[in-house]
N, C-alpha and C. Protein backbone atom coordinates (compact mmCIF):
# COMPACT_ATOMS: atom_id res chain seq x y z
N MET A 1 105.34 121.00 -56.65
CA MET A 1 106.00 120.13 -55.79
C MET A 1 106.56 120.83 -54.57
N SER A 2 107.18 122.06 -54.83
CA SER A 2 107.77 122.69 -53.70
C SER A 2 106.67 123.24 -52.75
N ALA A 3 105.42 123.53 -53.12
CA ALA A 3 104.27 123.86 -52.35
C ALA A 3 104.11 122.78 -51.31
N ALA A 4 104.09 121.62 -51.86
CA ALA A 4 103.80 120.43 -51.07
C ALA A 4 104.88 120.19 -50.04
N ILE A 5 106.09 120.40 -50.39
CA ILE A 5 107.19 120.15 -49.54
C ILE A 5 107.20 121.23 -48.34
N ASP A 6 106.83 122.40 -48.90
CA ASP A 6 106.72 123.53 -47.84
C ASP A 6 105.53 123.66 -46.96
N ASN A 7 104.51 122.85 -47.33
CA ASN A 7 103.21 122.90 -46.61
C ASN A 7 103.41 122.20 -45.20
N PRO A 8 103.19 122.88 -44.02
CA PRO A 8 103.43 122.28 -42.72
C PRO A 8 102.50 121.20 -42.48
N ALA A 9 101.49 121.06 -43.26
CA ALA A 9 100.44 120.01 -43.04
C ALA A 9 101.00 118.67 -43.38
N ARG A 10 102.08 118.67 -44.35
CA ARG A 10 102.77 117.54 -44.70
C ARG A 10 104.25 117.36 -44.13
N ALA A 11 104.49 118.16 -43.18
CA ALA A 11 105.84 118.03 -42.61
C ALA A 11 106.01 116.58 -42.12
N GLY A 12 107.11 116.22 -42.51
CA GLY A 12 107.56 114.73 -41.93
C GLY A 12 106.89 113.62 -42.58
N SER A 13 105.91 113.91 -43.40
CA SER A 13 105.46 112.66 -44.14
C SER A 13 105.73 112.62 -45.49
N GLY A 14 105.85 111.50 -46.02
CA GLY A 14 106.00 111.30 -47.40
C GLY A 14 107.49 110.91 -47.70
N ARG A 15 107.65 110.61 -48.98
CA ARG A 15 108.88 109.98 -49.59
C ARG A 15 109.14 110.89 -50.77
N LEU A 16 110.22 111.68 -50.56
CA LEU A 16 110.74 112.60 -51.70
C LEU A 16 111.79 111.91 -52.50
N ILE A 17 111.55 111.64 -53.82
CA ILE A 17 112.51 111.12 -54.70
C ILE A 17 112.92 111.94 -55.65
N ALA A 18 114.28 111.94 -56.01
CA ALA A 18 114.75 113.00 -57.00
C ALA A 18 115.94 112.36 -57.70
N SER A 19 116.20 112.83 -58.94
CA SER A 19 117.37 112.41 -59.64
C SER A 19 118.51 113.27 -58.96
N PRO A 20 119.69 112.88 -59.21
CA PRO A 20 120.94 113.66 -58.56
C PRO A 20 120.95 115.17 -58.98
N GLU A 21 120.58 115.47 -60.19
CA GLU A 21 120.51 116.91 -60.61
C GLU A 21 119.51 117.54 -59.74
N ARG A 22 118.33 116.96 -59.74
CA ARG A 22 117.07 117.66 -59.01
C ARG A 22 117.36 117.65 -57.62
N ALA A 23 117.96 116.48 -57.16
CA ALA A 23 118.26 116.61 -55.67
C ALA A 23 119.34 117.64 -55.20
N ARG A 24 120.09 118.02 -56.07
CA ARG A 24 121.06 119.17 -55.69
C ARG A 24 120.31 120.55 -55.59
N ALA A 25 119.24 120.70 -56.63
CA ALA A 25 118.55 121.83 -56.76
C ALA A 25 117.63 122.04 -55.43
N LEU A 26 117.05 120.78 -54.98
CA LEU A 26 116.10 120.74 -53.87
C LEU A 26 116.76 120.87 -52.51
N ALA A 27 118.16 120.48 -52.33
CA ALA A 27 118.74 120.32 -51.07
C ALA A 27 118.61 121.60 -50.33
N GLY A 28 118.89 122.81 -50.80
CA GLY A 28 118.77 124.01 -50.06
C GLY A 28 117.38 124.41 -49.68
N ARG A 29 116.37 124.02 -50.61
CA ARG A 29 115.15 124.55 -50.41
C ARG A 29 114.06 123.75 -49.57
N SER A 30 114.37 122.38 -49.45
CA SER A 30 113.55 121.49 -48.61
C SER A 30 114.10 121.59 -47.27
N GLY A 31 113.06 121.68 -46.22
CA GLY A 31 113.47 121.86 -44.91
C GLY A 31 114.31 120.73 -44.26
N PRO A 32 114.78 120.91 -43.16
CA PRO A 32 115.72 120.09 -42.61
C PRO A 32 115.06 118.73 -42.28
N GLU A 33 113.80 118.63 -42.28
CA GLU A 33 113.07 117.31 -41.85
C GLU A 33 112.69 116.49 -43.14
N VAL A 34 113.06 117.06 -44.33
CA VAL A 34 112.82 116.39 -45.55
C VAL A 34 114.09 115.65 -46.05
N ARG A 35 114.07 114.44 -46.05
CA ARG A 35 115.09 113.55 -46.66
C ARG A 35 114.88 113.21 -48.14
N ILE A 36 116.01 113.48 -48.95
CA ILE A 36 115.85 113.28 -50.43
C ILE A 36 116.31 111.87 -50.53
N GLU A 37 115.55 110.98 -51.34
CA GLU A 37 116.11 109.67 -51.77
C GLU A 37 116.61 109.93 -53.25
N ILE A 38 117.73 109.70 -53.58
CA ILE A 38 118.28 109.85 -54.92
C ILE A 38 118.15 108.72 -55.69
N LEU A 39 117.62 108.80 -56.87
CA LEU A 39 117.49 107.74 -57.86
C LEU A 39 117.60 108.18 -59.15
N GLU A 40 118.04 107.29 -60.17
CA GLU A 40 118.07 107.79 -61.44
C GLU A 40 116.75 107.87 -62.11
N ALA A 41 116.59 108.65 -63.12
CA ALA A 41 115.23 109.03 -63.61
C ALA A 41 114.36 107.77 -64.04
N GLY A 42 114.96 106.65 -64.51
CA GLY A 42 114.15 105.59 -64.89
C GLY A 42 113.69 104.85 -63.71
N ALA A 43 114.56 104.92 -62.57
CA ALA A 43 114.09 104.18 -61.35
C ALA A 43 112.93 105.02 -60.71
N ILE A 44 112.93 106.26 -60.81
CA ILE A 44 111.86 107.16 -60.47
C ILE A 44 110.68 106.85 -60.99
N GLY A 45 110.53 106.72 -62.34
CA GLY A 45 109.42 106.36 -63.10
C GLY A 45 108.83 104.97 -62.72
N ALA A 46 109.91 103.92 -62.28
CA ALA A 46 109.35 102.67 -61.87
C ALA A 46 108.61 102.65 -60.66
N CYS A 47 108.76 103.76 -59.72
CA CYS A 47 108.02 104.00 -58.50
C CYS A 47 106.64 104.57 -58.58
N LEU A 48 106.43 105.07 -59.73
CA LEU A 48 105.16 105.87 -59.95
C LEU A 48 104.20 104.98 -60.75
N PRO A 49 102.79 105.22 -60.60
CA PRO A 49 101.82 104.56 -61.32
C PRO A 49 101.94 104.63 -62.82
N ALA A 50 101.55 103.63 -63.60
CA ALA A 50 101.62 103.53 -64.93
C ALA A 50 101.10 104.90 -65.64
N GLY A 51 102.02 105.38 -66.54
CA GLY A 51 101.60 106.62 -67.26
C GLY A 51 101.79 107.98 -66.61
N ALA A 52 102.34 107.90 -65.48
CA ALA A 52 102.66 109.07 -64.63
C ALA A 52 104.01 109.62 -65.24
N VAL A 53 103.93 110.97 -65.30
CA VAL A 53 105.10 111.68 -65.90
C VAL A 53 105.79 112.51 -64.76
N HIS A 54 107.02 112.41 -64.78
CA HIS A 54 107.79 113.29 -63.67
C HIS A 54 108.95 113.99 -64.51
N GLN A 55 109.43 114.91 -63.70
CA GLN A 55 110.56 115.70 -64.30
C GLN A 55 111.79 115.63 -63.32
N GLY A 56 112.12 114.39 -62.94
CA GLY A 56 113.32 114.12 -62.05
C GLY A 56 112.95 114.09 -60.67
N VAL A 57 111.62 114.39 -60.13
CA VAL A 57 111.44 114.56 -58.91
C VAL A 57 109.88 113.98 -58.62
N ALA A 58 109.68 113.27 -57.49
CA ALA A 58 108.37 112.86 -57.19
C ALA A 58 108.20 112.87 -55.74
N PHE A 59 107.20 113.13 -55.12
CA PHE A 59 106.84 113.32 -53.71
C PHE A 59 105.47 112.45 -53.41
N ASP A 60 105.74 111.38 -52.71
CA ASP A 60 104.67 110.40 -52.37
C ASP A 60 104.40 110.80 -50.95
N THR A 61 103.15 111.37 -50.59
CA THR A 61 102.82 111.90 -49.30
C THR A 61 101.37 111.52 -49.05
N SER A 62 100.96 111.73 -47.94
CA SER A 62 99.66 111.50 -47.49
C SER A 62 98.53 112.56 -48.17
N LEU A 63 97.27 112.08 -48.26
CA LEU A 63 96.37 113.08 -48.67
C LEU A 63 96.11 114.25 -47.61
N LEU A 64 95.87 115.47 -48.11
CA LEU A 64 95.68 116.57 -47.28
C LEU A 64 94.34 116.31 -46.52
N ALA A 65 94.20 116.60 -45.33
CA ALA A 65 93.00 116.52 -44.60
C ALA A 65 92.11 117.66 -44.97
N PRO A 66 90.81 117.50 -45.17
CA PRO A 66 89.91 118.63 -45.35
C PRO A 66 89.86 119.44 -44.13
N THR A 67 89.56 120.85 -44.26
CA THR A 67 89.28 121.66 -43.10
C THR A 67 87.75 121.64 -42.87
N PRO A 68 87.43 121.66 -41.58
CA PRO A 68 86.04 121.69 -41.24
C PRO A 68 85.42 122.92 -41.84
N LEU A 69 84.18 122.76 -42.29
CA LEU A 69 83.42 123.92 -42.99
C LEU A 69 83.41 125.10 -42.01
N ASP A 70 82.96 124.96 -40.76
CA ASP A 70 83.04 126.04 -39.98
C ASP A 70 84.30 126.86 -39.73
N ALA A 71 85.30 126.14 -39.69
CA ALA A 71 86.67 126.80 -39.56
C ALA A 71 87.02 127.49 -40.91
N LEU A 72 86.64 126.84 -42.05
CA LEU A 72 86.95 127.49 -43.37
C LEU A 72 86.08 128.79 -43.55
N GLY A 73 84.90 128.68 -42.89
CA GLY A 73 83.87 129.87 -43.13
C GLY A 73 83.98 130.88 -42.02
N THR A 74 84.89 130.95 -41.19
CA THR A 74 84.99 131.82 -39.98
C THR A 74 86.30 132.70 -40.09
N PRO A 75 86.28 133.93 -40.28
CA PRO A 75 85.09 134.87 -40.39
C PRO A 75 84.54 134.85 -41.71
N ALA A 76 83.33 135.39 -41.97
CA ALA A 76 82.66 135.46 -43.19
C ALA A 76 83.24 136.65 -44.02
N ALA A 77 84.35 136.49 -44.67
CA ALA A 77 84.95 137.37 -45.44
C ALA A 77 85.75 136.86 -46.52
N GLY A 78 85.80 137.50 -47.64
CA GLY A 78 86.50 136.88 -48.83
C GLY A 78 85.57 136.19 -49.83
N VAL A 79 86.24 135.20 -50.48
CA VAL A 79 85.50 134.25 -51.40
C VAL A 79 85.80 132.89 -51.04
N LEU A 80 84.73 132.08 -50.94
CA LEU A 80 84.73 130.65 -50.88
C LEU A 80 84.05 130.17 -52.31
N ILE A 81 84.57 128.99 -52.74
CA ILE A 81 84.22 128.53 -54.06
C ILE A 81 83.63 126.98 -53.74
N MET A 82 82.32 126.77 -54.20
CA MET A 82 81.81 125.45 -53.95
C MET A 82 81.54 124.84 -55.21
N LEU A 83 81.91 123.66 -55.34
CA LEU A 83 81.79 122.85 -56.57
C LEU A 83 80.76 121.74 -56.37
N ASP A 84 79.81 121.78 -57.29
CA ASP A 84 78.81 120.72 -57.38
C ASP A 84 78.88 119.72 -58.37
N GLN A 85 79.32 118.61 -58.02
CA GLN A 85 79.54 117.40 -59.05
C GLN A 85 80.41 117.81 -60.07
N VAL A 86 81.57 118.65 -59.90
CA VAL A 86 82.61 118.65 -60.89
C VAL A 86 83.65 117.64 -60.62
N THR A 87 83.58 116.48 -61.52
CA THR A 87 84.19 115.24 -61.26
C THR A 87 85.38 115.17 -62.10
N ASP A 88 85.69 115.96 -63.08
CA ASP A 88 86.97 115.83 -63.84
C ASP A 88 88.20 116.30 -63.14
N PRO A 89 89.15 115.49 -62.79
CA PRO A 89 90.31 115.92 -61.88
C PRO A 89 91.06 117.21 -62.52
N GLN A 90 91.26 117.42 -63.74
CA GLN A 90 91.96 118.32 -64.36
C GLN A 90 91.25 119.71 -64.21
N ASN A 91 89.82 119.58 -64.27
CA ASN A 91 88.99 120.78 -64.12
C ASN A 91 89.13 121.33 -62.76
N VAL A 92 88.99 120.31 -61.74
CA VAL A 92 89.03 120.66 -60.39
C VAL A 92 90.54 121.29 -59.98
N GLY A 93 91.51 120.68 -60.60
CA GLY A 93 92.82 121.14 -60.46
C GLY A 93 92.96 122.59 -60.94
N ALA A 94 92.43 122.79 -62.03
CA ALA A 94 92.44 124.23 -62.74
C ALA A 94 91.67 125.23 -61.77
N ILE A 95 90.57 124.79 -61.21
CA ILE A 95 89.73 125.61 -60.47
C ILE A 95 90.66 126.03 -59.09
N PHE A 96 91.35 124.96 -58.42
CA PHE A 96 92.14 125.27 -57.46
C PHE A 96 93.29 126.24 -57.68
N ARG A 97 93.84 126.10 -59.02
CA ARG A 97 94.90 127.20 -59.49
C ARG A 97 94.36 128.54 -59.56
N SER A 98 93.05 128.53 -60.20
CA SER A 98 92.43 129.96 -60.37
C SER A 98 92.14 130.47 -59.11
N ALA A 99 91.52 129.65 -58.05
CA ALA A 99 91.20 130.19 -56.79
C ALA A 99 92.41 130.72 -56.14
N ALA A 100 93.66 130.04 -56.24
CA ALA A 100 94.90 130.69 -55.57
C ALA A 100 95.27 132.04 -56.29
N ALA A 101 95.17 132.01 -57.60
CA ALA A 101 95.50 133.25 -58.36
C ALA A 101 94.55 134.39 -57.98
N PHE A 102 93.30 134.12 -57.71
CA PHE A 102 92.38 135.35 -57.36
C PHE A 102 92.13 135.58 -55.82
N GLY A 103 92.93 134.78 -55.06
CA GLY A 103 92.90 135.01 -53.66
C GLY A 103 91.61 134.43 -52.93
N ALA A 104 91.04 133.38 -53.40
CA ALA A 104 89.98 132.74 -52.63
C ALA A 104 90.50 132.22 -51.30
N ARG A 105 89.59 132.16 -50.44
CA ARG A 105 89.97 131.55 -49.09
C ARG A 105 89.87 130.20 -48.97
N GLY A 106 89.06 129.64 -49.97
CA GLY A 106 89.02 128.04 -49.91
C GLY A 106 88.08 127.45 -50.92
N LEU A 107 88.10 126.20 -51.08
CA LEU A 107 87.10 125.57 -51.92
C LEU A 107 86.38 124.58 -51.09
N ILE A 108 84.92 124.31 -51.44
CA ILE A 108 84.25 123.33 -50.83
C ILE A 108 83.82 122.32 -51.93
N LEU A 109 84.10 121.05 -51.71
CA LEU A 109 83.92 119.96 -52.58
C LEU A 109 82.77 119.00 -52.03
N GLN A 110 82.13 118.35 -53.06
CA GLN A 110 81.14 117.30 -52.54
C GLN A 110 81.98 116.29 -52.11
N ASP A 111 81.55 115.50 -51.00
CA ASP A 111 82.48 114.40 -50.40
C ASP A 111 82.49 113.32 -51.43
N ARG A 112 81.39 112.90 -52.06
CA ARG A 112 81.38 111.81 -52.79
C ARG A 112 81.51 111.91 -54.35
N HIS A 113 81.14 113.23 -54.85
CA HIS A 113 81.11 113.63 -56.31
C HIS A 113 82.35 114.50 -56.71
N ALA A 114 83.44 114.29 -55.97
CA ALA A 114 84.69 115.12 -56.37
C ALA A 114 85.89 114.17 -56.36
N PRO A 115 86.76 114.39 -57.14
CA PRO A 115 88.05 113.48 -57.16
C PRO A 115 88.90 113.71 -56.08
N PRO A 116 89.68 112.79 -55.64
CA PRO A 116 90.75 112.96 -54.48
C PRO A 116 91.89 113.91 -55.11
N LEU A 117 92.51 114.60 -54.16
CA LEU A 117 93.54 115.68 -54.55
C LEU A 117 94.85 114.99 -54.73
N ILE A 118 94.91 114.26 -55.73
CA ILE A 118 96.10 113.41 -56.10
C ILE A 118 96.24 113.51 -57.45
N GLY A 119 97.37 113.01 -58.13
CA GLY A 119 97.50 112.66 -59.52
C GLY A 119 97.37 113.72 -60.30
N ALA A 120 96.57 113.57 -61.40
CA ALA A 120 96.25 114.49 -62.48
C ALA A 120 95.73 115.90 -61.92
N LEU A 121 94.91 115.73 -60.86
CA LEU A 121 94.45 117.01 -60.23
C LEU A 121 95.42 117.72 -59.60
N ALA A 122 96.37 117.08 -58.87
CA ALA A 122 97.27 117.79 -58.12
C ALA A 122 98.32 118.43 -59.14
N LYS A 123 98.58 117.65 -60.20
CA LYS A 123 99.60 118.29 -61.28
C LYS A 123 98.83 119.57 -61.88
N ALA A 124 97.62 119.40 -62.18
CA ALA A 124 96.89 120.51 -62.80
C ALA A 124 96.58 121.90 -61.91
N ALA A 125 96.76 121.47 -60.49
CA ALA A 125 96.55 122.52 -59.56
C ALA A 125 98.02 123.37 -59.39
N ALA A 126 99.06 122.72 -59.94
CA ALA A 126 100.33 123.33 -59.74
C ALA A 126 100.60 123.96 -58.39
N GLY A 127 100.51 123.14 -57.39
CA GLY A 127 100.71 123.61 -56.05
C GLY A 127 99.51 124.22 -55.21
N ALA A 128 98.59 124.46 -55.98
CA ALA A 128 97.44 125.31 -55.26
C ALA A 128 96.74 124.45 -54.20
N ILE A 129 96.70 123.15 -54.31
CA ILE A 129 96.07 122.36 -53.24
C ILE A 129 96.80 122.39 -51.96
N ASP A 130 97.97 122.84 -52.06
CA ASP A 130 98.72 123.18 -50.75
C ASP A 130 98.70 124.49 -50.26
N LYS A 131 98.14 125.45 -51.13
CA LYS A 131 98.11 126.81 -50.67
C LYS A 131 96.51 127.13 -50.31
N ILE A 132 95.63 126.46 -50.87
CA ILE A 132 94.06 126.82 -50.66
C ILE A 132 93.53 125.80 -49.94
N PRO A 133 93.02 125.97 -48.68
CA PRO A 133 92.38 124.86 -47.94
C PRO A 133 91.05 124.60 -48.54
N HIS A 134 90.68 123.43 -48.31
CA HIS A 134 89.25 122.75 -48.93
C HIS A 134 88.54 122.03 -47.87
N ALA A 135 87.13 122.10 -47.99
CA ALA A 135 86.37 121.45 -47.11
C ALA A 135 85.60 120.36 -48.00
N ARG A 136 85.29 119.18 -47.44
CA ARG A 136 84.33 118.24 -48.19
C ARG A 136 83.25 118.13 -47.32
N GLU A 137 82.05 118.11 -48.10
CA GLU A 137 80.68 118.10 -47.52
C GLU A 137 79.89 117.17 -48.24
N ILE A 138 79.06 116.35 -47.44
CA ILE A 138 78.21 115.45 -48.06
C ILE A 138 76.99 116.10 -48.72
N ASN A 139 76.37 117.11 -48.01
CA ASN A 139 75.26 117.80 -48.47
C ASN A 139 75.50 119.25 -48.69
N LEU A 140 75.65 119.72 -49.93
CA LEU A 140 75.89 120.99 -50.17
C LEU A 140 74.74 122.05 -49.80
N SER A 141 73.59 121.58 -49.83
CA SER A 141 72.48 122.56 -49.35
C SER A 141 72.61 122.85 -47.95
N ARG A 142 72.87 121.89 -47.19
CA ARG A 142 73.16 122.19 -45.77
C ARG A 142 74.41 122.85 -45.55
N ALA A 143 75.47 122.71 -46.31
CA ALA A 143 76.55 123.46 -46.19
C ALA A 143 76.33 124.90 -46.48
N LEU A 144 75.54 125.17 -47.50
CA LEU A 144 75.07 126.53 -47.79
C LEU A 144 74.23 127.24 -46.60
N GLU A 145 73.53 126.41 -45.99
CA GLU A 145 72.73 127.01 -44.86
C GLU A 145 73.64 127.30 -43.77
N ARG A 146 74.68 126.43 -43.46
CA ARG A 146 75.65 126.70 -42.34
C ARG A 146 76.50 127.89 -42.67
N LEU A 147 77.01 128.14 -43.92
CA LEU A 147 77.68 129.28 -44.25
C LEU A 147 76.80 130.60 -44.10
N GLU A 148 75.44 130.50 -44.46
CA GLU A 148 74.68 131.63 -44.31
C GLU A 148 74.44 132.06 -42.87
N ALA A 149 74.45 130.99 -42.04
CA ALA A 149 74.33 131.19 -40.57
C ALA A 149 75.57 131.82 -39.96
N LEU A 150 76.71 131.70 -40.69
CA LEU A 150 77.94 132.29 -40.36
C LEU A 150 78.22 133.53 -41.08
N GLY A 151 77.24 134.15 -41.72
CA GLY A 151 77.18 135.30 -42.27
C GLY A 151 77.57 135.55 -43.66
N TRP A 152 77.68 134.40 -44.39
CA TRP A 152 78.02 134.45 -45.80
C TRP A 152 76.86 134.78 -46.72
N ARG A 153 77.10 135.35 -47.86
CA ARG A 153 76.00 135.57 -48.89
C ARG A 153 76.33 134.52 -50.00
N THR A 154 75.42 133.87 -50.67
CA THR A 154 75.75 133.01 -51.72
C THR A 154 75.32 133.45 -53.15
N ILE A 155 76.05 133.14 -54.01
CA ILE A 155 75.84 133.54 -55.40
C ILE A 155 76.11 132.18 -56.14
N GLY A 156 75.01 131.70 -57.03
CA GLY A 156 75.23 130.54 -57.63
C GLY A 156 75.43 130.90 -59.21
N LEU A 157 76.32 130.20 -59.75
CA LEU A 157 76.57 130.16 -61.12
C LEU A 157 76.55 128.90 -61.84
N ASP A 158 76.07 129.01 -63.18
CA ASP A 158 75.79 127.79 -63.98
C ASP A 158 76.44 127.90 -65.30
N GLY A 159 77.09 126.99 -65.83
CA GLY A 159 77.65 126.94 -67.04
C GLY A 159 76.74 127.28 -68.25
N GLU A 160 75.52 127.12 -68.05
CA GLU A 160 74.56 127.29 -69.24
C GLU A 160 73.91 128.79 -68.98
């Protein structure tokens, strides 16, 4: 949650809802442009999709825009992770979290065969979607060719 609030790409967007206790804890940490709407815990739950779990705070904000592949891949240094048809939101969230822990520069997801960076994925990522940039590409083979032209070396891994 705090990574999303601190992310300049989300500045001024969204609705931050918190219980009175959580609002006091967030008051000093959220920037001046973030207004906290205070609601009781039950009312916060009513604002969320069915089955969503909160801990006294919720941030309804816009989706993060993907980074263009050429911007993500320049300069050709570090590690980029490309996911091919990884569709489980919790797995993708865990990969974002691991990528942040190991210092990856970014993730490349398929445009049509990857979940949106919301809900269970965002929760599993534990803030990493706001720390690690991502690109969305329609054709991963062409994306690999573009990265190679930028000076990247590719290594393919398979779960089998």
